[in-house]
Amino acid sequence: MPDYFRNTVMKKLSNGDFDCTKEFTVSMFSGKHKLLILWILINDGPHGFSYFMKNLKGISKKVLSNQLNELMADQIVYKREYLTGKVKHTEYQLTDIGETLIPIIVALNDWGENRLKQVTLVKTFNNDL
């Protein structure tokens, strides 16, 4: 199922009536698995479709394909096809624009880890009362 938020933003952009950079930025990450796909590319490097299927638990082929296509449409990821002998391989990797997101995604991850520790500490403290 296409992401409603992303589609709304893209429609506004195509109509020329859009100027909210925050909404535009968030729309590129909307989708349940996009940040996880980007995290894999940042940490593990370029990989093929089957690698994502194996490492993203519970994702369907259709959803993964849609998420990768949207990331490619936004010029964050590109698909590289190459031959090894007569065998055709396809892998996905970050574009130059995608690589500019690395410090942002790492910062989001770090923030999440720290926040999770805080929430866990509060829960533990409250349970001790």
Protein backbone atom coordinates (compact mmCIF):
# COMPACT_ATOMS: atom_id res chain seq x y z
CA MET A 1 0.00 0.00 0.00
CA PRO A 2 1.49 3.35 -0.98
CA ASP A 3 2.28 5.73 1.85
CA TYR A 4 -0.47 8.36 2.10
CA PHE A 5 1.74 10.99 3.75
CA ARG A 6 4.46 10.66 1.12
CA ASN A 7 1.93 10.73 -1.72
CA THR A 8 0.29 13.89 -0.35
CA VAL A 9 3.65 15.67 -0.11
CA MET A 10 4.67 14.57 -3.62
CA LYS A 11 1.33 15.78 -5.02
CA LYS A 12 1.81 19.18 -3.37
CA LEU A 13 5.34 19.37 -4.77
CA SER A 14 4.19 18.58 -8.30
CA ASN A 15 1.49 21.28 -8.01
CA GLY A 16 4.06 23.83 -6.88
CA ASP A 17 2.19 24.63 -3.66
CA PHE A 18 4.59 23.16 -1.14
CA ASP A 19 7.18 24.90 0.99
CA CYS A 20 7.46 22.98 4.28
CA THR A 21 10.96 21.53 4.37
CA LYS A 22 10.28 19.55 7.54
CA GLU A 23 7.27 17.80 6.04
CA PHE A 24 9.20 17.14 2.83
CA THR A 25 12.11 15.60 4.75
CA VAL A 26 9.92 13.41 6.93
CA SER A 27 8.00 12.19 3.87
CA MET A 28 11.18 10.62 2.51
CA PHE A 29 11.43 8.44 5.62
CA SER A 30 7.74 7.63 5.86
CA GLY A 31 7.18 3.96 5.39
CA LYS A 32 7.64 1.25 7.96
CA HIS A 33 10.95 -0.11 6.66
CA LYS A 34 12.80 2.79 5.02
CA LEU A 35 14.95 3.72 7.99
CA LEU A 36 15.80 0.05 8.50
CA ILE A 37 16.77 -0.30 4.83
CA LEU A 38 18.98 2.78 5.12
CA TRP A 39 20.48 1.49 8.39
CA ILE A 40 21.45 -1.76 6.66
CA LEU A 41 23.04 0.14 3.77
CA ILE A 42 24.94 2.39 6.18
CA ASN A 43 26.23 -0.46 8.34
CA ASP A 44 26.52 -3.38 5.94
CA GLY A 45 27.09 -1.64 2.61
CA PRO A 46 25.41 -2.44 -0.72
CA HIS A 47 23.20 -5.52 -0.86
CA GLY A 48 20.72 -7.29 -3.06
CA PHE A 49 17.00 -7.70 -2.63
CA SER A 50 17.28 -11.13 -0.99
CA TYR A 51 19.58 -9.77 1.72
CA PHE A 52 16.92 -7.24 2.72
CA MET A 53 14.21 -9.93 2.63
CA LYS A 54 16.28 -12.07 4.99
CA ASN A 55 17.18 -9.26 7.39
CA LEU A 56 13.92 -7.29 7.55
CA LYS A 57 11.63 -9.60 9.47
CA GLY A 58 8.02 -9.67 8.38
CA ILE A 59 8.39 -7.61 5.21
CA SER A 60 6.71 -8.82 2.03
CA LYS A 61 8.39 -8.71 -1.37
CA LYS A 62 5.84 -6.16 -2.57
CA VAL A 63 6.41 -3.81 0.37
CA LEU A 64 10.20 -4.09 0.09
CA SER A 65 10.02 -3.42 -3.63
CA ASN A 66 7.80 -0.36 -3.06
CA GLN A 67 10.06 1.00 -0.31
CA LEU A 68 13.20 0.57 -2.45
CA ASN A 69 11.47 2.16 -5.46
CA GLU A 70 10.46 5.18 -3.37
CA LEU A 71 14.01 5.54 -2.01
CA MET A 72 15.28 5.40 -5.61
CA ALA A 73 12.66 7.93 -6.77
CA ASP A 74 13.87 10.26 -3.99
CA GLN A 75 17.46 9.71 -5.20
CA ILE A 76 18.56 8.34 -1.81
CA VAL A 77 19.30 4.82 -3.08
CA TYR A 78 20.22 3.51 -6.50
CA LYS A 79 20.16 0.06 -8.04
CA ARG A 80 23.40 -1.19 -9.54
CA GLU A 81 23.32 -4.09 -11.97
CA TYR A 82 26.45 -5.95 -12.96
CA LEU A 83 27.63 -9.27 -14.36
CA THR A 84 29.87 -11.83 -12.74
CA GLY A 85 30.64 -14.04 -15.68
CA LYS A 86 27.20 -14.68 -17.15
CA VAL A 87 25.35 -14.16 -13.89
CA LYS A 88 23.47 -10.88 -13.49
CA HIS A 89 23.56 -9.32 -10.02
CA THR A 90 21.57 -6.43 -8.63
CA GLU A 91 22.41 -4.51 -5.51
CA TYR A 92 21.16 -1.39 -3.84
CA GLN A 93 23.42 1.27 -2.41
CA LEU A 94 23.31 4.83 -1.16
CA THR A 95 23.64 7.67 -3.63
CA ASP A 96 25.76 10.72 -2.83
CA ILE A 97 22.59 12.37 -1.53
CA GLY A 98 21.84 9.25 0.52
CA GLU A 99 25.30 9.38 2.06
CA THR A 100 24.59 12.90 3.35
CA LEU A 101 21.89 11.28 5.52
CA ILE A 102 24.35 9.05 7.37
CA PRO A 103 25.11 11.47 10.23
CA ILE A 104 21.40 12.27 10.57
CA ILE A 105 20.35 8.61 10.75
CA VAL A 106 23.21 7.79 13.15
CA ALA A 107 22.12 10.74 15.34
CA LEU A 108 18.51 9.46 15.29
CA ASN A 109 19.74 6.03 16.34
CA ASP A 110 21.89 7.47 19.14
CA TRP A 111 19.01 9.61 20.36
CA GLY A 112 16.72 6.55 20.35
CA GLU A 113 19.22 4.45 22.30
CA ASN A 114 19.63 7.19 24.93
CA ARG A 115 15.89 7.79 25.15
CA LEU A 116 15.20 4.08 25.52
CA LYS A 117 17.65 3.94 28.45
CA GLN A 118 15.84 6.88 30.07
CA VAL A 119 12.45 5.26 29.62
CA THR A 120 13.77 1.97 30.97
CA LEU A 121 15.28 3.74 33.99
CA VAL A 122 12.02 5.56 34.74
CA LYS A 123 10.05 2.32 34.43
CA THR A 124 12.50 0.50 36.71
CA PHE A 125 12.40 3.35 39.23
CA ASN A 126 8.58 3.46 39.22
CA ASN A 127 8.36 -0.32 39.65
CA ASP A 128 10.60 -0.09 42.73
CA LEU A 129 8.18 2.29 44.48
